[in-house]
Amino acid sequence: MGLDPLNKLLYALGLLMNQYSVVKIKSLNKNFKYNEGSFGSRSPRVGDIATIVEVYDSAFDLECSDENGFTLWLEIFEPSDAELELVCI
């Protein structure tokens, strides 16, 4: 995505992370473990495309779905947990 310099700065500061924005996981800094209490069928992976479904003060819920709309995973991310690329605001 080609963001202009101002929007790149706002994104880096977390100010463009809006509910229903779409992001791509570029790298993971946290090891998310899938277990029987997890929502979905697996844990997040680099390259996954996800939607921000809720924004909190210092975190946000990300949901990744398959082509049929079934949830692959739903996790709470803090800004330091991953490097994300904004796909759509």
PDB file of N, CA and C in Angstrom:
ATOM      1  N   MET A   1       0.859  -1.175   0.000  1.00  0.00           N
ATOM      2  CA  MET A   1       0.000   0.000   0.000  1.00  0.00           C
ATOM      3  C   MET A   1       0.892   1.220   0.000  1.00  0.00           C
ATOM      4  N   GLY A   2       0.589   2.221  -0.797  1.00  0.00           N
ATOM      5  CA  GLY A   2       1.390   3.415  -0.875  1.00  0.00           C
ATOM      6  C   GLY A   2       0.853   4.536  -0.011  1.00  0.00           C
ATOM      7  N   LEU A   3       1.269   4.574   1.253  1.00  0.00           N
ATOM      8  CA  LEU A   3       0.852   5.660   2.134  1.00  0.00           C
ATOM      9  C   LEU A   3       1.797   6.839   1.962  1.00  0.00           C
ATOM     10  N   ASP A   4       1.265   8.038   2.030  1.00  0.00           N
ATOM     11  CA  ASP A   4       2.104   9.223   1.971  1.00  0.00           C
ATOM     12  C   ASP A   4       2.858   9.338   3.299  1.00  0.00           C
ATOM     13  N   PRO A   5       3.917  10.184   3.382  1.00  0.00           N
ATOM     14  CA  PRO A   5       4.738  10.273   4.593  1.00  0.00           C
ATOM     15  C   PRO A   5       3.949  10.581   5.868  1.00  0.00           C
ATOM     16  N   LEU A   6       2.967  11.443   5.807  1.00  0.00           N
ATOM     17  CA  LEU A   6       2.189  11.764   7.005  1.00  0.00           C
ATOM     18  C   LEU A   6       1.413  10.540   7.487  1.00  0.00           C
ATOM     19  N   ASN A   7       0.756   9.838   6.572  1.00  0.00           N
ATOM     20  CA  ASN A   7       0.008   8.652   6.970  1.00  0.00           C
ATOM     21  C   ASN A   7       0.926   7.526   7.421  1.00  0.00           C
ATOM     22  N   LYS A   8       2.149   7.436   6.863  1.00  0.00           N
ATOM     23  CA  LYS A   8       3.115   6.453   7.357  1.00  0.00           C
ATOM     24  C   LYS A   8       3.462   6.738   8.812  1.00  0.00           C
ATOM     25  N   LEU A   9       3.662   8.004   9.141  1.00  0.00           N
ATOM     26  CA  LEU A   9       3.960   8.390  10.515  1.00  0.00           C
ATOM     27  C   LEU A   9       2.778   8.076  11.420  1.00  0.00           C
ATOM     28  N   LEU A  10       1.571   8.440  11.009  1.00  0.00           N
ATOM     29  CA  LEU A  10       0.379   8.153  11.816  1.00  0.00           C
ATOM     30  C   LEU A  10       0.212   6.653  12.021  1.00  0.00           C
ATOM     31  N   TYR A  11       0.479   5.861  10.970  1.00  0.00           N
ATOM     32  CA  TYR A  11       0.389   4.405  11.093  1.00  0.00           C
ATOM     33  C   TYR A  11       1.420   3.890  12.089  1.00  0.00           C
ATOM     34  N   ALA A  12       2.660   4.390  11.988  1.00  0.00           N
ATOM     35  CA  ALA A  12       3.719   3.965  12.904  1.00  0.00           C
ATOM     36  C   ALA A  12       3.360   4.278  14.354  1.00  0.00           C
ATOM     37  N   LEU A  13       2.627   5.333  14.567  1.00  0.00           N
ATOM     38  CA  LEU A  13       2.206   5.713  15.918  1.00  0.00           C
ATOM     39  C   LEU A  13       0.928   4.998  16.347  1.00  0.00           C
ATOM     40  N   GLY A  14       0.381   4.196  15.459  1.00  0.00           N
ATOM     41  CA  GLY A  14      -0.834   3.457  15.789  1.00  0.00           C
ATOM     42  C   GLY A  14      -2.105   4.271  15.654  1.00  0.00           C
ATOM     43  N   LEU A  15      -2.021   5.403  14.986  1.00  0.00           N
ATOM     44  CA  LEU A  15      -3.177   6.279  14.899  1.00  0.00           C
ATOM     45  C   LEU A  15      -4.083   5.972  13.713  1.00  0.00           C
ATOM     46  N   LEU A  16      -3.675   5.058  12.847  1.00  0.00           N
ATOM     47  CA  LEU A  16      -4.535   4.680  11.718  1.00  0.00           C
ATOM     48  C   LEU A  16      -5.153   3.308  11.927  1.00  0.00           C
ATOM     49  N   MET A  17      -4.963   2.748  13.097  1.00  0.00           N
ATOM     50  CA  MET A  17      -5.534   1.443  13.394  1.00  0.00           C
ATOM     51  C   MET A  17      -6.978   1.619  13.814  1.00  0.00           C
ATOM     52  N   ASN A  18      -7.862   1.603  12.868  1.00  0.00           N
ATOM     53  CA  ASN A  18      -9.282   1.807  13.121  1.00  0.00           C
ATOM     54  C   ASN A  18     -10.021   0.482  13.086  1.00  0.00           C
ATOM     55  N   GLN A  19     -11.167   0.438  13.744  1.00  0.00           N
ATOM     56  CA  GLN A  19     -12.014  -0.735  13.666  1.00  0.00           C
ATOM     57  C   GLN A  19     -12.361  -0.987  12.197  1.00  0.00           C
ATOM     58  N   TYR A  20     -12.246  -2.216  11.793  1.00  0.00           N
ATOM     59  CA  TYR A  20     -12.519  -2.721  10.446  1.00  0.00           C
ATOM     60  C   TYR A  20     -11.422  -2.401   9.430  1.00  0.00           C
ATOM     61  N   SER A  21     -10.299  -1.823   9.883  1.00  0.00           N
ATOM     62  CA  SER A  21      -9.147  -1.719   8.990  1.00  0.00           C
ATOM     63  C   SER A  21      -8.638  -3.127   8.706  1.00  0.00           C
ATOM     64  N   VAL A  22      -8.047  -3.316   7.532  1.00  0.00           N
ATOM     65  CA  VAL A  22      -7.509  -4.616   7.141  1.00  0.00           C
ATOM     66  C   VAL A  22      -5.991  -4.512   7.132  1.00  0.00           C
ATOM     67  N   VAL A  23      -5.325  -5.497   7.740  1.00  0.00           N
ATOM     68  CA  VAL A  23      -3.875  -5.498   7.852  1.00  0.00           C
ATOM     69  C   VAL A  23      -3.302  -6.841   7.401  1.00  0.00           C
ATOM     70  N   LYS A  24      -2.042  -6.808   7.024  1.00  0.00           N
ATOM     71  CA  LYS A  24      -1.295  -8.020   6.679  1.00  0.00           C
ATOM     72  C   LYS A  24      -0.179  -8.170   7.700  1.00  0.00           C
ATOM     73  N   ILE A  25       0.020  -9.373   8.212  1.00  0.00           N
ATOM     74  CA  ILE A  25       1.094  -9.611   9.166  1.00  0.00           C
ATOM     75  C   ILE A  25       2.408  -9.754   8.409  1.00  0.00           C
ATOM     76  N   LYS A  26       3.327  -8.815   8.645  1.00  0.00           N
ATOM     77  CA  LYS A  26       4.646  -8.851   7.999  1.00  0.00           C
ATOM     78  C   LYS A  26       5.654  -9.633   8.823  1.00  0.00           C
ATOM     79  N   SER A  27       5.550  -9.552  10.147  1.00  0.00           N
ATOM     80  CA  SER A  27       6.406 -10.342  11.036  1.00  0.00           C
ATOM     81  C   SER A  27       5.714 -10.460  12.384  1.00  0.00           C
ATOM     82  N   LEU A  28       6.049 -11.524  13.099  1.00  0.00           N
ATOM     83  CA  LEU A  28       5.498 -11.746  14.436  1.00  0.00           C
ATOM     84  C   LEU A  28       6.615 -11.645  15.463  1.00  0.00           C
ATOM     85  N   ASN A  29       6.389 -10.882  16.502  1.00  0.00           N
ATOM     86  CA  ASN A  29       7.342 -10.731  17.592  1.00  0.00           C
ATOM     87  C   ASN A  29       6.893 -11.510  18.825  1.00  0.00           C
ATOM     88  N   LYS A  30       5.718 -12.124  18.755  1.00  0.00           N
ATOM     89  CA  LYS A  30       5.159 -12.922  19.833  1.00  0.00           C
ATOM     90  C   LYS A  30       4.806 -14.283  19.261  1.00  0.00           C
ATOM     91  N   ASN A  31       5.048 -15.319  20.039  1.00  0.00           N
ATOM     92  CA  ASN A  31       4.708 -16.668  19.610  1.00  0.00           C
ATOM     93  C   ASN A  31       3.292 -16.990  20.076  1.00  0.00           C
ATOM     94  N   PHE A  32       2.330 -16.877  19.177  1.00  0.00           N
ATOM     95  CA  PHE A  32       0.943 -17.202  19.491  1.00  0.00           C
ATOM     96  C   PHE A  32       0.792 -18.716  19.426  1.00  0.00           C
ATOM     97  N   LYS A  33       0.270 -19.315  20.472  1.00  0.00           N
ATOM     98  CA  LYS A  33       0.092 -20.769  20.545  1.00  0.00           C
ATOM     99  C   LYS A  33      -1.382 -21.124  20.420  1.00  0.00           C
ATOM    100  N   TYR A  34      -1.694 -22.015  19.508  1.00  0.00           N
ATOM    101  CA  TYR A  34      -3.059 -22.514  19.381  1.00  0.00           C
ATOM    102  C   TYR A  34      -3.285 -23.576  20.453  1.00  0.00           C
ATOM    103  N   ASN A  35      -4.430 -23.520  21.127  1.00  0.00           N
ATOM    104  CA  ASN A  35      -4.806 -24.558  22.089  1.00  0.00           C
ATOM    105  C   ASN A  35      -6.322 -24.712  22.064  1.00  0.00           C
ATOM    106  N   GLU A  36      -6.846 -25.622  22.885  1.00  0.00           N
ATOM    107  CA  GLU A  36      -8.287 -25.896  22.859  1.00  0.00           C
ATOM    108  C   GLU A  36      -9.126 -24.698  23.277  1.00  0.00           C
ATOM    109  N   GLY A  37      -8.535 -23.715  23.962  1.00  0.00           N
ATOM    110  CA  GLY A  37      -9.259 -22.504  24.347  1.00  0.00           C
ATOM    111  C   GLY A  37      -9.202 -21.408  23.301  1.00  0.00           C
ATOM    112  N   SER A  38      -8.432 -21.622  22.247  1.00  0.00           N
ATOM    113  CA  SER A  38      -8.297 -20.624  21.187  1.00  0.00           C
ATOM    114  C   SER A  38      -9.563 -20.561  20.350  1.00  0.00           C
ATOM    115  N   PHE A  39      -9.818 -19.397  19.776  1.00  0.00           N
ATOM    116  CA  PHE A  39     -10.960 -19.236  18.882  1.00  0.00           C
ATOM    117  C   PHE A  39     -10.461 -19.391  17.454  1.00  0.00           C
ATOM    118  N   GLY A  40     -11.032 -20.292  16.711  1.00  0.00           N
ATOM    119  CA  GLY A  40     -10.616 -20.554  15.345  1.00  0.00           C
ATOM    120  C   GLY A  40      -9.934 -21.904  15.244  1.00  0.00           C
ATOM    121  N   SER A  41      -9.209 -22.111  14.151  1.00  0.00           N
ATOM    122  CA  SER A  41      -8.607 -23.419  13.897  1.00  0.00           C
ATOM    123  C   SER A  41      -7.085 -23.427  13.929  1.00  0.00           C
ATOM    124  N   ARG A  42      -6.455 -22.253  14.069  1.00  0.00           N
ATOM    125  CA  ARG A  42      -4.989 -22.201  14.128  1.00  0.00           C
ATOM    126  C   ARG A  42      -4.541 -20.863  14.692  1.00  0.00           C
ATOM    127  N   SER A  43      -3.254 -20.673  14.814  1.00  0.00           N
ATOM    128  CA  SER A  43      -2.703 -19.420  15.328  1.00  0.00           C
ATOM    129  C   SER A  43      -2.259 -18.520  14.160  1.00  0.00           C
ATOM    130  N   PRO A  44      -2.013 -17.236  14.436  1.00  0.00           N
ATOM    131  CA  PRO A  44      -1.590 -16.305  13.383  1.00  0.00           C
ATOM    132  C   PRO A  44      -0.263 -16.706  12.745  1.00  0.00           C
ATOM    133  N   ARG A  45      -0.123 -16.381  11.457  1.00  0.00           N
ATOM    134  CA  ARG A  45       1.094 -16.656  10.685  1.00  0.00           C
ATOM    135  C   ARG A  45       1.479 -15.408   9.890  1.00  0.00           C
ATOM    136  N   VAL A  46       2.761 -15.286   9.614  1.00  0.00           N
ATOM    137  CA  VAL A  46       3.238 -14.223   8.737  1.00  0.00           C
ATOM    138  C   VAL A  46       2.556 -14.387   7.381  1.00  0.00           C
ATOM    139  N   GLY A  47       2.068 -13.280   6.832  1.00  0.00           N
ATOM    140  CA  GLY A  47       1.377 -13.300   5.544  1.00  0.00           C
ATOM    141  C   GLY A  47      -0.134 -13.305   5.668  1.00  0.00           C
ATOM    142  N   ASP A  48      -0.655 -13.620   6.854  1.00  0.00           N
ATOM    143  CA  ASP A  48      -2.106 -13.613   7.057  1.00  0.00           C
ATOM    144  C   ASP A  48      -2.674 -12.203   6.873  1.00  0.00           C
ATOM    145  N   ILE A  49      -3.866 -12.138   6.326  1.00  0.00           N
ATOM    146  CA  ILE A  49      -4.630 -10.901   6.196  1.00  0.00           C
ATOM    147  C   ILE A  49      -5.723 -10.957   7.264  1.00  0.00           C
ATOM    148  N   ALA A  50      -5.837  -9.883   8.049  1.00  0.00           N
ATOM    149  CA  ALA A  50      -6.794  -9.879   9.154  1.00  0.00           C
ATOM    150  C   ALA A  50      -7.523  -8.544   9.231  1.00  0.00           C
ATOM    151  N   THR A  51      -8.661  -8.563   9.896  1.00  0.00           N
ATOM    152  CA  THR A  51      -9.468  -7.363  10.118  1.00  0.00           C
ATOM    153  C   THR A  51      -9.406  -6.990  11.589  1.00  0.00           C
ATOM    154  N   ILE A  52      -9.257  -5.695  11.849  1.00  0.00           N
ATOM    155  CA  ILE A  52      -9.307  -5.204  13.226  1.00  0.00           C
ATOM    156  C   ILE A  52     -10.777  -5.156  13.619  1.00  0.00           C
ATOM    157  N   VAL A  53     -11.166  -5.990  14.578  1.00  0.00           N
ATOM    158  CA  VAL A  53     -12.577  -6.047  14.951  1.00  0.00           C
ATOM    159  C   VAL A  53     -12.890  -5.219  16.194  1.00  0.00           C
ATOM    160  N   GLU A  54     -11.869  -4.887  16.977  1.00  0.00           N
ATOM    161  CA  GLU A  54     -12.069  -4.024  18.148  1.00  0.00           C
ATOM    162  C   GLU A  54     -10.756  -3.344  18.483  1.00  0.00           C
ATOM    163  N   VAL A  55     -10.833  -2.082  18.881  1.00  0.00           N
ATOM    164  CA  VAL A  55      -9.654  -1.303  19.254  1.00  0.00           C
ATOM    165  C   VAL A  55      -9.787  -0.917  20.721  1.00  0.00           C
ATOM    166  N   TYR A  56      -8.749  -1.207  21.503  1.00  0.00           N
ATOM    167  CA  TYR A  56      -8.698  -0.864  22.919  1.00  0.00           C
ATOM    168  C   TYR A  56      -7.635   0.217  23.118  1.00  0.00           C
ATOM    169  N   ASP A  57      -7.406   0.626  24.356  1.00  0.00           N
ATOM    170  CA  ASP A  57      -6.406   1.667  24.633  1.00  0.00           C
ATOM    171  C   ASP A  57      -5.012   1.267  24.161  1.00  0.00           C
ATOM    172  N   SER A  58      -4.595   0.042  24.447  1.00  0.00           N
ATOM    173  CA  SER A  58      -3.224  -0.356  24.094  1.00  0.00           C
ATOM    174  C   SER A  58      -3.186  -1.701  23.372  1.00  0.00           C
ATOM    175  N   ALA A  59      -4.278  -2.100  22.755  1.00  0.00           N
ATOM    176  CA  ALA A  59      -4.326  -3.371  22.036  1.00  0.00           C
ATOM    177  C   ALA A  59      -5.510  -3.367  21.068  1.00  0.00           C
ATOM    178  N   PHE A  60      -5.596  -4.413  20.260  1.00  0.00           N
ATOM    179  CA  PHE A  60      -6.719  -4.542  19.339  1.00  0.00           C
ATOM    180  C   PHE A  60      -6.947  -6.018  19.041  1.00  0.00           C
ATOM    181  N   ASP A  61      -8.191  -6.366  18.755  1.00  0.00           N
ATOM    182  CA  ASP A  61      -8.540  -7.722  18.335  1.00  0.00           C
ATOM    183  C   ASP A  61      -8.381  -7.808  16.828  1.00  0.00           C
ATOM    184  N   LEU A  62      -7.670  -8.842  16.376  1.00  0.00           N
ATOM    185  CA  LEU A  62      -7.540  -9.122  14.952  1.00  0.00           C
ATOM    186  C   LEU A  62      -8.206 -10.457  14.659  1.00  0.00           C
ATOM    187  N   GLU A  63      -8.955 -10.502  13.560  1.00  0.00           N
ATOM    188  CA  GLU A  63      -9.586 -11.746  13.128  1.00  0.00           C
ATOM    189  C   GLU A  63      -9.179 -12.044  11.694  1.00  0.00           C
ATOM    190  N   CYS A  64      -8.762 -13.279  11.481  1.00  0.00           N
ATOM    191  CA  CYS A  64      -8.416 -13.758  10.146  1.00  0.00           C
ATOM    192  C   CYS A  64      -9.438 -14.816   9.754  1.00  0.00           C
ATOM    193  N   SER A  65     -10.019 -14.674   8.582  1.00  0.00           N
ATOM    194  CA  SER A  65     -11.038 -15.612   8.106  1.00  0.00           C
ATOM    195  C   SER A  65     -10.596 -16.242   6.790  1.00  0.00           C
ATOM    196  N   ASP A  66     -11.134 -17.424   6.507  1.00  0.00           N
ATOM    197  CA  ASP A  66     -10.833 -18.064   5.227  1.00  0.00           C
ATOM    198  C   ASP A  66     -11.763 -17.522   4.135  1.00  0.00           C
ATOM    199  N   GLU A  67     -11.632 -18.059   2.937  1.00  0.00           N
ATOM    200  CA  GLU A  67     -12.404 -17.558   1.794  1.00  0.00           C
ATOM    201  C   GLU A  67     -13.905 -17.785   1.943  1.00  0.00           C
ATOM    202  N   ASN A  68     -14.304 -18.658   2.878  1.00  0.00           N
ATOM    203  CA  ASN A  68     -15.727 -18.915   3.124  1.00  0.00           C
ATOM    204  C   ASN A  68     -16.268 -18.138   4.310  1.00  0.00           C
ATOM    205  N   GLY A  69     -15.427 -17.302   4.919  1.00  0.00           N
ATOM    206  CA  GLY A  69     -15.862 -16.490   6.047  1.00  0.00           C
ATOM    207  C   GLY A  69     -15.723 -17.150   7.406  1.00  0.00           C
ATOM    208  N   PHE A  70     -15.128 -18.356   7.446  1.00  0.00           N
ATOM    209  CA  PHE A  70     -14.920 -19.028   8.724  1.00  0.00           C
ATOM    210  C   PHE A  70     -13.665 -18.486   9.399  1.00  0.00           C
ATOM    211  N   THR A  71     -13.749 -18.268  10.697  1.00  0.00           N
ATOM    212  CA  THR A  71     -12.627 -17.705  11.441  1.00  0.00           C
ATOM    213  C   THR A  71     -11.494 -18.714  11.546  1.00  0.00           C
ATOM    214  N   LEU A  72     -10.301 -18.294  11.063  1.00  0.00           N
ATOM    215  CA  LEU A  72      -9.098 -19.106  11.233  1.00  0.00           C
ATOM    216  C   LEU A  72      -8.492 -18.855  12.611  1.00  0.00           C
ATOM    217  N   TRP A  73      -8.483 -17.587  13.012  1.00  0.00           N
ATOM    218  CA  TRP A  73      -8.008 -17.215  14.345  1.00  0.00           C
ATOM    219  C   TRP A  73      -8.541 -15.846  14.728  1.00  0.00           C
ATOM    220  N   LEU A  74      -8.637 -15.630  16.033  1.00  0.00           N
ATOM    221  CA  LEU A  74      -9.046 -14.355  16.616  1.00  0.00           C
ATOM    222  C   LEU A  74      -8.153 -14.152  17.832  1.00  0.00           C
ATOM    223  N   GLU A  75      -7.335 -13.092  17.802  1.00  0.00           N
ATOM    224  CA  GLU A  75      -6.357 -12.867  18.866  1.00  0.00           C
ATOM    225  C   GLU A  75      -6.311 -11.396  19.256  1.00  0.00           C
ATOM    226  N   ILE A  76      -5.932 -11.158  20.498  1.00  0.00           N
ATOM    227  CA  ILE A  76      -5.644  -9.794  20.952  1.00  0.00           C
ATOM    228  C   ILE A  76      -4.174  -9.507  20.660  1.00  0.00           C
ATOM    229  N   PHE A  77      -3.925  -8.418  19.937  1.00  0.00           N
ATOM    230  CA  PHE A  77      -2.563  -7.995  19.610  1.00  0.00           C
ATOM    231  C   PHE A  77      -2.247  -6.690  20.329  1.00  0.00           C
ATOM    232  N   GLU A  78      -1.055  -6.606  20.887  1.00  0.00           N
ATOM    233  CA  GLU A  78      -0.507  -5.338  21.343  1.00  0.00           C
ATOM    234  C   GLU A  78       0.383  -4.835  20.213  1.00  0.00           C
ATOM    235  N   PRO A  79       0.643  -3.525  20.138  1.00  0.00           N
ATOM    236  CA  PRO A  79       1.438  -2.996  19.029  1.00  0.00           C
ATOM    237  C   PRO A  79       2.803  -3.668  18.846  1.00  0.00           C
ATOM    238  N   SER A  80       3.422  -4.140  19.929  1.00  0.00           N
ATOM    239  CA  SER A  80       4.745  -4.762  19.837  1.00  0.00           C
ATOM    240  C   SER A  80       4.691  -6.230  19.414  1.00  0.00           C
ATOM    241  N   ASP A  81       3.504  -6.814  19.299  1.00  0.00           N
ATOM    242  CA  ASP A  81       3.386  -8.240  18.986  1.00  0.00           C
ATOM    243  C   ASP A  81       3.700  -8.578  17.536  1.00  0.00           C
ATOM    244  N   ALA A  82       3.559  -7.619  16.644  1.00  0.00           N
ATOM    245  CA  ALA A  82       3.743  -7.912  15.223  1.00  0.00           C
ATOM    246  C   ALA A  82       4.013  -6.631  14.449  1.00  0.00           C
ATOM    247  N   GLU A  83       4.641  -6.792  13.309  1.00  0.00           N
ATOM    248  CA  GLU A  83       4.740  -5.699  12.336  1.00  0.00           C
ATOM    249  C   GLU A  83       3.614  -5.912  11.351  1.00  0.00           C
ATOM    250  N   LEU A  84       2.755  -4.919  11.220  1.00  0.00           N
ATOM    251  CA  LEU A  84       1.585  -5.028  10.368  1.00  0.00           C
ATOM    252  C   LEU A  84       1.657  -4.030   9.219  1.00  0.00           C
ATOM    253  N   GLU A  85       1.187  -4.456   8.086  1.00  0.00           N
ATOM    254  CA  GLU A  85       1.071  -3.573   6.915  1.00  0.00           C
ATOM    255  C   GLU A  85      -0.398  -3.241   6.748  1.00  0.00           C
ATOM    256  N   LEU A  86      -0.705  -1.984   6.697  1.00  0.00           N
ATOM    257  CA  LEU A  86      -2.080  -1.548   6.505  1.00  0.00           C
ATOM    258  C   LEU A  86      -2.490  -1.802   5.061  1.00  0.00           C
ATOM    259  N   VAL A  87      -3.517  -2.610   4.860  1.00  0.00           N
ATOM    260  CA  VAL A  87      -4.008  -2.946   3.533  1.00  0.00           C
ATOM    261  C   VAL A  87      -5.141  -2.018   3.130  1.00  0.00           C
ATOM    262  N   CYS A  88      -6.039  -1.767   4.064  1.00  0.00           N
ATOM    263  CA  CYS A  88      -7.193  -0.919   3.798  1.00  0.00           C
ATOM    264  C   CYS A  88      -7.631  -0.268   5.104  1.00  0.00           C
ATOM    265  N   ILE A  89      -7.840   1.052   5.090  1.00  0.00           N
ATOM    266  CA  ILE A  89      -8.256   1.772   6.293  1.00  0.00           C
ATOM    267  C   ILE A  89      -9.743   1.626   6.486  1.00  0.00           C
TER     268      ILE A  89
END
